[in-house]
All heavy atoms as atom14 arrays in JSON, in Angstrom:
{
  "sequence": "DSSTYKVIVNKSTVPIGSGDWVRMIVLDGVAERLKSLVTAGGSS",
  "atom14_mask": [
    [1, 1, 1, 1, 1, 1, 1, 1, 0, 0, 0, 0, 0, 0],
    [1, 1, 1, 1, 1, 1, 0, 0, 0, 0, 0, 0, 0, 0],
    [1, 1, 1, 1, 1, 1, 0, 0, 0, 0, 0, 0, 0, 0],
    [1, 1, 1, 1, 1, 1, 1, 0, 0, 0, 0, 0, 0, 0],
    [1, 1, 1, 1, 1, 1, 1, 1, 1, 1, 1, 1, 0, 0],
    [1, 1, 1, 1, 1, 1, 1, 1, 1, 0, 0, 0, 0, 0],
    [1, 1, 1, 1, 1, 1, 1, 0, 0, 0, 0, 0, 0, 0],
    [1, 1, 1, 1, 1, 1, 1, 1, 0, 0, 0, 0, 0, 0],
    [1, 1, 1, 1, 1, 1, 1, 0, 0, 0, 0, 0, 0, 0],
    [1, 1, 1, 1, 1, 1, 1, 1, 0, 0, 0, 0, 0, 0],
    [1, 1, 1, 1, 1, 1, 1, 1, 1, 0, 0, 0, 0, 0],
    [1, 1, 1, 1, 1, 1, 0, 0, 0, 0, 0, 0, 0, 0],
    [1, 1, 1, 1, 1, 1, 1, 0, 0, 0, 0, 0, 0, 0],
    [1, 1, 1, 1, 1, 1, 1, 0, 0, 0, 0, 0, 0, 0],
    [1, 1, 1, 1, 1, 1, 1, 0, 0, 0, 0, 0, 0, 0],
    [1, 1, 1, 1, 1, 1, 1, 1, 0, 0, 0, 0, 0, 0],
    [1, 1, 1, 1, 0, 0, 0, 0, 0, 0, 0, 0, 0, 0],
    [1, 1, 1, 1, 1, 1, 0, 0, 0, 0, 0, 0, 0, 0],
    [1, 1, 1, 1, 0, 0, 0, 0, 0, 0, 0, 0, 0, 0],
    [1, 1, 1, 1, 1, 1, 1, 1, 0, 0, 0, 0, 0, 0],
    [1, 1, 1, 1, 1, 1, 1, 1, 1, 1, 1, 1, 1, 1],
    [1, 1, 1, 1, 1, 1, 1, 0, 0, 0, 0, 0, 0, 0],
    [1, 1, 1, 1, 1, 1, 1, 1, 1, 1, 1, 0, 0, 0],
    [1, 1, 1, 1, 1, 1, 1, 1, 0, 0, 0, 0, 0, 0],
    [1, 1, 1, 1, 1, 1, 1, 1, 0, 0, 0, 0, 0, 0],
    [1, 1, 1, 1, 1, 1, 1, 0, 0, 0, 0, 0, 0, 0],
    [1, 1, 1, 1, 1, 1, 1, 1, 0, 0, 0, 0, 0, 0],
    [1, 1, 1, 1, 1, 1, 1, 1, 0, 0, 0, 0, 0, 0],
    [1, 1, 1, 1, 0, 0, 0, 0, 0, 0, 0, 0, 0, 0],
    [1, 1, 1, 1, 1, 1, 1, 0, 0, 0, 0, 0, 0, 0],
    [1, 1, 1, 1, 1, 0, 0, 0, 0, 0, 0, 0, 0, 0],
    [1, 1, 1, 1, 1, 1, 1, 1, 1, 0, 0, 0, 0, 0],
    [1, 1, 1, 1, 1, 1, 1, 1, 1, 1, 1, 0, 0, 0],
    [1, 1, 1, 1, 1, 1, 1, 1, 0, 0, 0, 0, 0, 0],
    [1, 1, 1, 1, 1, 1, 1, 1, 1, 0, 0, 0, 0, 0],
    [1, 1, 1, 1, 1, 1, 0, 0, 0, 0, 0, 0, 0, 0],
    [1, 1, 1, 1, 1, 1, 1, 1, 0, 0, 0, 0, 0, 0],
    [1, 1, 1, 1, 1, 1, 1, 0, 0, 0, 0, 0, 0, 0],
    [1, 1, 1, 1, 1, 1, 1, 0, 0, 0, 0, 0, 0, 0],
    [1, 1, 1, 1, 1, 0, 0, 0, 0, 0, 0, 0, 0, 0],
    [1, 1, 1, 1, 0, 0, 0, 0, 0, 0, 0, 0, 0, 0],
    [1, 1, 1, 1, 0, 0, 0, 0, 0, 0, 0, 0, 0, 0],
    [1, 1, 1, 1, 1, 1, 0, 0, 0, 0, 0, 0, 0, 0],
    [1, 1, 1, 1, 1, 1, 0, 0, 0, 0, 0, 0, 0, 0]
  ],
  "atom14_positions": [
    [[44.58, -6.64, -130.99], [45.15, -7.14, -132.23], [45.28, -8.66, -132.08], [46.01, -9.14, -131.21], [46.52, -6.5, -132.47], [47.22, -7.03, -133.72], [46.64, -7.92, -134.39], [48.33, -6.57, -134.01], [0.0, 0.0, 0.0], [0.0, 0.0, 0.0], [0.0, 0.0, 0.0], [0.0, 0.0, 0.0], [0.0, 0.0, 0.0], [0.0, 0.0, 0.0]],
    [[44.57, -9.4, -132.9], [44.51, -10.86, -132.73], [45.84, -11.55, -132.96], [46.02, -12.71, -132.6], [43.47, -11.45, -133.69], [43.88, -11.22, -135.04], [0.0, 0.0, 0.0], [0.0, 0.0, 0.0], [0.0, 0.0, 0.0], [0.0, 0.0, 0.0], [0.0, 0.0, 0.0], [0.0, 0.0, 0.0], [0.0, 0.0, 0.0], [0.0, 0.0, 0.0]],
    [[46.8, -10.84, -133.53], [48.1, -11.48, -133.8], [48.89, -11.75, -132.52], [49.83, -12.54, -132.52], [48.93, -10.6, -134.74], [49.23, -9.36, -134.12], [0.0, 0.0, 0.0], [0.0, 0.0, 0.0], [0.0, 0.0, 0.0], [0.0, 0.0, 0.0], [0.0, 0.0, 0.0], [0.0, 0.0, 0.0], [0.0, 0.0, 0.0], [0.0, 0.0, 0.0]],
    [[48.5, -11.06, -131.42], [49.21, -11.24, -130.16], [48.22, -11.67, -129.07], [47.2, -11.03, -128.86], [49.87, -9.92, -129.72], [50.67, -9.41, -130.78], [50.75, -10.14, -128.5], [0.0, 0.0, 0.0], [0.0, 0.0, 0.0], [0.0, 0.0, 0.0], [0.0, 0.0, 0.0], [0.0, 0.0, 0.0], [0.0, 0.0, 0.0], [0.0, 0.0, 0.0]],
    [[48.55, -12.74, -128.36], [47.72, -13.23, -127.26], [47.82, -12.29, -126.06], [48.91, -11.85, -125.7], [48.17, -14.64, -126.85], [47.45, -15.2, -125.64], [46.13, -15.64, -125.73], [48.1, -15.29, -124.41], [45.48, -16.17, -124.62], [47.45, -15.83, -123.3], [46.14, -16.26, -123.41], [45.49, -16.77, -122.32], [0.0, 0.0, 0.0], [0.0, 0.0, 0.0]],
    [[46.69, -11.97, -125.47], [46.65, -11.07, -124.31], [45.94, -11.74, -123.13], [44.99, -12.52, -123.33], [45.89, -9.78, -124.65], [46.37, -9.04, -125.89], [47.58, -8.19, -125.61], [47.93, -7.33, -126.83], [49.13, -6.51, -126.61], [0.0, 0.0, 0.0], [0.0, 0.0, 0.0], [0.0, 0.0, 0.0], [0.0, 0.0, 0.0], [0.0, 0.0, 0.0]],
    [[46.39, -11.41, -121.94], [45.68, -11.8, -120.72], [45.07, -10.53, -120.12], [45.78, -9.57, -119.83], [46.63, -12.46, -119.69], [45.88, -12.77, -118.4], [47.23, -13.73, -120.26], [0.0, 0.0, 0.0], [0.0, 0.0, 0.0], [0.0, 0.0, 0.0], [0.0, 0.0, 0.0], [0.0, 0.0, 0.0], [0.0, 0.0, 0.0], [0.0, 0.0, 0.0]],
    [[43.76, -10.53, -119.99], [43.05, -9.37, -119.42], [42.71, -9.71, -117.98], [42.01, -10.69, -117.7], [41.78, -9.05, -120.24], [42.16, -8.71, -121.68], [41.01, -7.91, -119.59], [40.97, -8.54, -122.61], [0.0, 0.0, 0.0], [0.0, 0.0, 0.0], [0.0, 0.0, 0.0], [0.0, 0.0, 0.0], [0.0, 0.0, 0.0], [0.0, 0.0, 0.0]],
    [[43.23, -8.9, -117.07], [43.15, -9.21, -115.64], [42.2, -8.24, -114.93], [42.38, -7.03, -114.98], [44.54, -9.11, -114.97], [44.45, -9.52, -113.51], [45.55, -9.98, -115.71], [0.0, 0.0, 0.0], [0.0, 0.0, 0.0], [0.0, 0.0, 0.0], [0.0, 0.0, 0.0], [0.0, 0.0, 0.0], [0.0, 0.0, 0.0], [0.0, 0.0, 0.0]],
    [[41.2, -8.81, -114.27], [40.32, -8.01, -113.42], [41.0, -7.76, -112.09], [41.11, -8.67, -111.26], [39.01, -8.77, -113.18], [37.86, -8.18, -113.94], [37.88, -7.01, -114.3], [36.84, -8.98, -114.19], [0.0, 0.0, 0.0], [0.0, 0.0, 0.0], [0.0, 0.0, 0.0], [0.0, 0.0, 0.0], [0.0, 0.0, 0.0], [0.0, 0.0, 0.0]],
    [[41.51, -6.56, -111.87], [42.08, -6.2, -110.57], [41.07, -5.4, -109.77], [41.14, -5.32, -108.54], [43.37, -5.37, -110.78], [44.31, -5.35, -109.6], [44.98, -6.69, -109.38], [46.02, -6.64, -108.27], [46.54, -7.97, -107.95], [0.0, 0.0, 0.0], [0.0, 0.0, 0.0], [0.0, 0.0, 0.0], [0.0, 0.0, 0.0], [0.0, 0.0, 0.0]],
    [[40.12, -4.77, -110.48], [39.04, -4.06, -109.8], [38.19, -5.06, -109.03], [38.04, -6.21, -109.43], [38.15, -3.33, -110.82], [38.88, -2.41, -111.59], [0.0, 0.0, 0.0], [0.0, 0.0, 0.0], [0.0, 0.0, 0.0], [0.0, 0.0, 0.0], [0.0, 0.0, 0.0], [0.0, 0.0, 0.0], [0.0, 0.0, 0.0], [0.0, 0.0, 0.0]],
    [[37.65, -4.61, -107.88], [36.73, -5.46, -107.13], [35.38, -5.41, -107.81], [34.7, -4.37, -107.79], [36.64, -5.0, -105.67], [37.94, -5.02, -105.09], [35.73, -5.92, -104.87], [0.0, 0.0, 0.0], [0.0, 0.0, 0.0], [0.0, 0.0, 0.0], [0.0, 0.0, 0.0], [0.0, 0.0, 0.0], [0.0, 0.0, 0.0], [0.0, 0.0, 0.0]],
    [[35.01, -6.51, -108.44], [33.8, -6.54, -109.28], [32.83, -7.6, -108.77], [33.23, -8.54, -108.1], [34.17, -6.83, -110.75], [34.89, -5.65, -111.37], [35.05, -8.09, -110.85], [0.0, 0.0, 0.0], [0.0, 0.0, 0.0], [0.0, 0.0, 0.0], [0.0, 0.0, 0.0], [0.0, 0.0, 0.0], [0.0, 0.0, 0.0], [0.0, 0.0, 0.0]],
    [[31.55, -7.43, -109.09], [30.55, -8.41, -108.63], [30.9, -9.83, -109.12], [31.51, -10.01, -110.18], [29.26, -7.92, -109.28], [29.47, -6.46, -109.49], [30.92, -6.31, -109.8], [0.0, 0.0, 0.0], [0.0, 0.0, 0.0], [0.0, 0.0, 0.0], [0.0, 0.0, 0.0], [0.0, 0.0, 0.0], [0.0, 0.0, 0.0], [0.0, 0.0, 0.0]],
    [[30.5, -10.82, -108.33], [30.79, -12.21, -108.66], [30.12, -12.55, -109.99], [28.93, -12.28, -110.19], [30.31, -13.13, -107.53], [31.09, -12.8, -106.25], [30.49, -14.59, -107.89], [30.33, -12.96, -104.99], [0.0, 0.0, 0.0], [0.0, 0.0, 0.0], [0.0, 0.0, 0.0], [0.0, 0.0, 0.0], [0.0, 0.0, 0.0], [0.0, 0.0, 0.0]],
    [[30.9, -13.15, -110.89], [30.4, -13.46, -112.23], [30.86, -12.46, -113.27], [30.54, -12.59, -114.46], [0.0, 0.0, 0.0], [0.0, 0.0, 0.0], [0.0, 0.0, 0.0], [0.0, 0.0, 0.0], [0.0, 0.0, 0.0], [0.0, 0.0, 0.0], [0.0, 0.0, 0.0], [0.0, 0.0, 0.0], [0.0, 0.0, 0.0], [0.0, 0.0, 0.0]],
    [[31.63, -11.46, -112.85], [32.05, -10.4, -113.77], [33.11, -10.84, -114.76], [33.31, -10.17, -115.77], [32.56, -9.18, -112.99], [31.51, -8.57, -112.29], [0.0, 0.0, 0.0], [0.0, 0.0, 0.0], [0.0, 0.0, 0.0], [0.0, 0.0, 0.0], [0.0, 0.0, 0.0], [0.0, 0.0, 0.0], [0.0, 0.0, 0.0], [0.0, 0.0, 0.0]],
    [[33.82, -11.95, -114.47], [34.84, -12.41, -115.41], [34.24, -12.73, -116.77], [34.72, -12.26, -117.81], [0.0, 0.0, 0.0], [0.0, 0.0, 0.0], [0.0, 0.0, 0.0], [0.0, 0.0, 0.0], [0.0, 0.0, 0.0], [0.0, 0.0, 0.0], [0.0, 0.0, 0.0], [0.0, 0.0, 0.0], [0.0, 0.0, 0.0], [0.0, 0.0, 0.0]],
    [[33.15, -13.49, -116.77], [32.47, -13.81, -118.03], [31.85, -12.56, -118.65], [31.82, -12.42, -119.87], [31.38, -14.86, -117.78], [31.97, -16.21, -117.38], [33.12, -16.5, -117.79], [31.3, -16.96, -116.65], [0.0, 0.0, 0.0], [0.0, 0.0, 0.0], [0.0, 0.0, 0.0], [0.0, 0.0, 0.0], [0.0, 0.0, 0.0], [0.0, 0.0, 0.0]],
    [[31.36, -11.67, -117.8], [30.76, -10.42, -118.28], [31.82, -9.55, -118.96], [31.56, -8.98, -120.03], [30.12, -9.69, -117.1], [29.61, -8.32, -117.39], [28.46, -7.99, -118.07], [30.21, -7.07, -117.0], [28.32, -6.62, -118.13], [29.38, -6.04, -117.49], [31.37, -6.75, -116.3], [29.68, -4.7, -117.29], [31.67, -5.41, -116.09], [30.83, -4.4, -116.58]],
    [[33.0, -9.45, -118.36], [34.09, -8.67, -118.97], [34.47, -9.25, -120.32], [34.67, -8.53, -121.3], [35.32, -8.62, -118.03], [36.57, -8.16, -118.8], [35.06, -7.68, -116.87], [0.0, 0.0, 0.0], [0.0, 0.0, 0.0], [0.0, 0.0, 0.0], [0.0, 0.0, 0.0], [0.0, 0.0, 0.0], [0.0, 0.0, 0.0], [0.0, 0.0, 0.0]],
    [[34.55, -10.58, -120.4], [34.85, -11.22, -121.68], [33.82, -10.84, -122.74], [34.16, -10.52, -123.88], [34.9, -12.74, -121.52], [35.24, -13.46, -122.82], [35.4, -14.97, -122.65], [35.81, -15.55, -123.92], [37.05, -15.57, -124.37], [38.03, -15.05, -123.64], [37.34, -16.11, -125.54], [0.0, 0.0, 0.0], [0.0, 0.0, 0.0], [0.0, 0.0, 0.0]],
    [[32.55, -10.83, -122.36], [31.48, -10.46, -123.28], [31.63, -9.02, -123.75], [31.48, -8.72, -124.94], [30.13, -10.65, -122.59], [28.92, -10.3, -123.44], [27.38, -10.45, -122.49], [27.5, -8.99, -121.43], [0.0, 0.0, 0.0], [0.0, 0.0, 0.0], [0.0, 0.0, 0.0], [0.0, 0.0, 0.0], [0.0, 0.0, 0.0], [0.0, 0.0, 0.0]],
    [[31.94, -8.11, -122.81], [32.07, -6.7, -123.17], [33.29, -6.48, -124.08], [33.24, -5.7, -125.03], [32.19, -5.82, -121.9], [30.95, -5.98, -121.01], [32.4, -4.36, -122.27], [29.66, -5.58, -121.67], [0.0, 0.0, 0.0], [0.0, 0.0, 0.0], [0.0, 0.0, 0.0], [0.0, 0.0, 0.0], [0.0, 0.0, 0.0], [0.0, 0.0, 0.0]],
    [[34.4, -7.17, -123.78], [35.59, -7.07, -124.64], [35.23, -7.52, -126.06], [35.59, -6.87, -127.05], [36.76, -7.91, -124.09], [37.91, -7.96, -125.1], [37.27, -7.31, -122.77], [0.0, 0.0, 0.0], [0.0, 0.0, 0.0], [0.0, 0.0, 0.0], [0.0, 0.0, 0.0], [0.0, 0.0, 0.0], [0.0, 0.0, 0.0], [0.0, 0.0, 0.0]],
    [[34.51, -8.64, -126.15], [34.1, -9.15, -127.48], [33.16, -8.18, -128.18], [33.19, -8.06, -129.4], [33.46, -10.52, -127.33], [34.42, -11.67, -126.98], [33.66, -12.94, -126.67], [35.42, -11.89, -128.11], [0.0, 0.0, 0.0], [0.0, 0.0, 0.0], [0.0, 0.0, 0.0], [0.0, 0.0, 0.0], [0.0, 0.0, 0.0], [0.0, 0.0, 0.0]],
    [[32.32, -7.47, -127.39], [31.47, -6.43, -127.99], [32.34, -5.33, -128.6], [32.05, -4.83, -129.7], [30.55, -5.81, -126.93], [29.39, -6.73, -126.55], [29.18, -7.73, -127.26], [28.72, -6.43, -125.54], [0.0, 0.0, 0.0], [0.0, 0.0, 0.0], [0.0, 0.0, 0.0], [0.0, 0.0, 0.0], [0.0, 0.0, 0.0], [0.0, 0.0, 0.0]],
    [[33.41, -4.96, -127.88], [34.33, -3.95, -128.4], [35.03, -4.42, -129.66], [35.22, -3.66, -130.62], [0.0, 0.0, 0.0], [0.0, 0.0, 0.0], [0.0, 0.0, 0.0], [0.0, 0.0, 0.0], [0.0, 0.0, 0.0], [0.0, 0.0, 0.0], [0.0, 0.0, 0.0], [0.0, 0.0, 0.0], [0.0, 0.0, 0.0], [0.0, 0.0, 0.0]],
    [[35.41, -5.72, -129.64], [36.04, -6.31, -130.83], [35.07, -6.27, -132.01], [35.42, -5.89, -133.14], [36.47, -7.76, -130.56], [36.94, -8.44, -131.84], [37.59, -7.8, -129.52], [0.0, 0.0, 0.0], [0.0, 0.0, 0.0], [0.0, 0.0, 0.0], [0.0, 0.0, 0.0], [0.0, 0.0, 0.0], [0.0, 0.0, 0.0], [0.0, 0.0, 0.0]],
    [[33.81, -6.64, -131.76], [32.79, -6.67, -132.82], [32.57, -5.29, -133.42], [32.41, -5.15, -134.64], [31.48, -7.23, -132.25], [0.0, 0.0, 0.0], [0.0, 0.0, 0.0], [0.0, 0.0, 0.0], [0.0, 0.0, 0.0], [0.0, 0.0, 0.0], [0.0, 0.0, 0.0], [0.0, 0.0, 0.0], [0.0, 0.0, 0.0], [0.0, 0.0, 0.0]],
    [[32.56, -4.27, -132.56], [32.39, -2.91, -133.06], [33.55, -2.51, -133.96], [33.36, -1.87, -134.99], [32.26, -1.94, -131.88], [30.95, -2.08, -131.11], [30.93, -1.3, -129.81], [31.83, -0.45, -129.61], [30.05, -1.55, -128.97], [0.0, 0.0, 0.0], [0.0, 0.0, 0.0], [0.0, 0.0, 0.0], [0.0, 0.0, 0.0], [0.0, 0.0, 0.0]],
    [[34.77, -2.91, -133.55], [35.94, -2.6, -134.39], [35.86, -3.35, -135.72], [36.14, -2.77, -136.78], [37.22, -2.99, -133.64], [38.5, -2.83, -134.47], [39.74, -3.08, -133.63], [39.79, -4.43, -133.1], [40.26, -5.49, -133.78], [40.69, -5.35, -135.01], [40.27, -6.69, -133.22], [0.0, 0.0, 0.0], [0.0, 0.0, 0.0], [0.0, 0.0, 0.0]],
    [[35.48, -4.62, -135.66], [35.38, -5.41, -136.89], [34.33, -4.84, -137.83], [34.52, -4.81, -139.05], [35.03, -6.86, -136.54], [36.09, -7.65, -135.76], [35.62, -9.07, -135.52], [37.42, -7.64, -136.48], [0.0, 0.0, 0.0], [0.0, 0.0, 0.0], [0.0, 0.0, 0.0], [0.0, 0.0, 0.0], [0.0, 0.0, 0.0], [0.0, 0.0, 0.0]],
    [[33.22, -4.39, -137.24], [32.15, -3.81, -138.04], [32.65, -2.59, -138.79], [32.36, -2.41, -139.98], [30.97, -3.45, -137.15], [29.75, -2.96, -137.9], [28.6, -2.68, -136.93], [27.38, -2.17, -137.69], [26.25, -1.87, -136.75], [0.0, 0.0, 0.0], [0.0, 0.0, 0.0], [0.0, 0.0, 0.0], [0.0, 0.0, 0.0], [0.0, 0.0, 0.0]],
    [[33.43, -1.75, -138.09], [33.95, -0.54, -138.74], [34.98, -0.91, -139.81], [35.05, -0.27, -140.86], [34.58, 0.39, -137.7], [35.71, -0.21, -137.1], [0.0, 0.0, 0.0], [0.0, 0.0, 0.0], [0.0, 0.0, 0.0], [0.0, 0.0, 0.0], [0.0, 0.0, 0.0], [0.0, 0.0, 0.0], [0.0, 0.0, 0.0], [0.0, 0.0, 0.0]],
    [[35.77, -1.96, -139.56], [36.76, -2.4, -140.56], [36.08, -2.94, -141.8], [36.49, -2.66, -142.93], [37.68, -3.47, -139.96], [38.73, -3.01, -138.94], [39.43, -4.21, -138.32], [39.75, -2.09, -139.59], [0.0, 0.0, 0.0], [0.0, 0.0, 0.0], [0.0, 0.0, 0.0], [0.0, 0.0, 0.0], [0.0, 0.0, 0.0], [0.0, 0.0, 0.0]],
    [[35.02, -3.73, -141.58], [34.28, -4.31, -142.71], [33.64, -3.21, -143.53], [33.67, -3.22, -144.76], [33.21, -5.31, -142.19], [32.25, -5.7, -143.3], [33.88, -6.55, -141.62], [0.0, 0.0, 0.0], [0.0, 0.0, 0.0], [0.0, 0.0, 0.0], [0.0, 0.0, 0.0], [0.0, 0.0, 0.0], [0.0, 0.0, 0.0], [0.0, 0.0, 0.0]],
    [[33.05, -2.23, -142.81], [32.4, -1.11, -143.5], [33.41, -0.32, -144.31], [33.17, 0.04, -145.47], [31.71, -0.18, -142.48], [30.78, -0.94, -141.72], [31.0, 0.96, -143.17], [0.0, 0.0, 0.0], [0.0, 0.0, 0.0], [0.0, 0.0, 0.0], [0.0, 0.0, 0.0], [0.0, 0.0, 0.0], [0.0, 0.0, 0.0], [0.0, 0.0, 0.0]],
    [[34.57, -0.07, -143.7], [35.6, 0.72, -144.38], [36.2, -0.04, -145.56], [36.52, 0.54, -146.6], [36.7, 1.1, -143.4], [0.0, 0.0, 0.0], [0.0, 0.0, 0.0], [0.0, 0.0, 0.0], [0.0, 0.0, 0.0], [0.0, 0.0, 0.0], [0.0, 0.0, 0.0], [0.0, 0.0, 0.0], [0.0, 0.0, 0.0], [0.0, 0.0, 0.0]],
    [[36.34, -1.37, -145.39], [37.0, -2.17, -146.43], [36.07, -2.72, -147.48], [36.53, -3.27, -148.49], [0.0, 0.0, 0.0], [0.0, 0.0, 0.0], [0.0, 0.0, 0.0], [0.0, 0.0, 0.0], [0.0, 0.0, 0.0], [0.0, 0.0, 0.0], [0.0, 0.0, 0.0], [0.0, 0.0, 0.0], [0.0, 0.0, 0.0], [0.0, 0.0, 0.0]],
    [[34.77, -2.65, -147.23], [33.82, -3.16, -148.2], [33.67, -4.67, -148.19], [33.01, -5.25, -149.04], [0.0, 0.0, 0.0], [0.0, 0.0, 0.0], [0.0, 0.0, 0.0], [0.0, 0.0, 0.0], [0.0, 0.0, 0.0], [0.0, 0.0, 0.0], [0.0, 0.0, 0.0], [0.0, 0.0, 0.0], [0.0, 0.0, 0.0], [0.0, 0.0, 0.0]],
    [[34.3, -5.36, -147.19], [34.22, -6.81, -147.1], [32.91, -7.22, -146.45], [32.32, -6.47, -145.67], [35.41, -7.34, -146.28], [35.27, -8.71, -146.07], [0.0, 0.0, 0.0], [0.0, 0.0, 0.0], [0.0, 0.0, 0.0], [0.0, 0.0, 0.0], [0.0, 0.0, 0.0], [0.0, 0.0, 0.0], [0.0, 0.0, 0.0], [0.0, 0.0, 0.0]],
    [[32.44, -8.43, -146.76], [31.16, -8.88, -146.22], [31.29, -9.5, -144.85], [30.34, -9.55, -144.09], [30.51, -9.88, -147.18], [31.38, -10.98, -147.37], [0.0, 0.0, 0.0], [0.0, 0.0, 0.0], [0.0, 0.0, 0.0], [0.0, 0.0, 0.0], [0.0, 0.0, 0.0], [0.0, 0.0, 0.0], [0.0, 0.0, 0.0], [0.0, 0.0, 0.0]]
  ]
}
């Protein structure tokens, strides 16, 4: 929910460079949610 700032913490041992990758995947999840909201609401 964009109204509240969140810190997403990688505690899992992940390959080097995964911080940027996680950010990309989170944004993919956000985009999927936005797409469904736009579709449901009829907004462009």
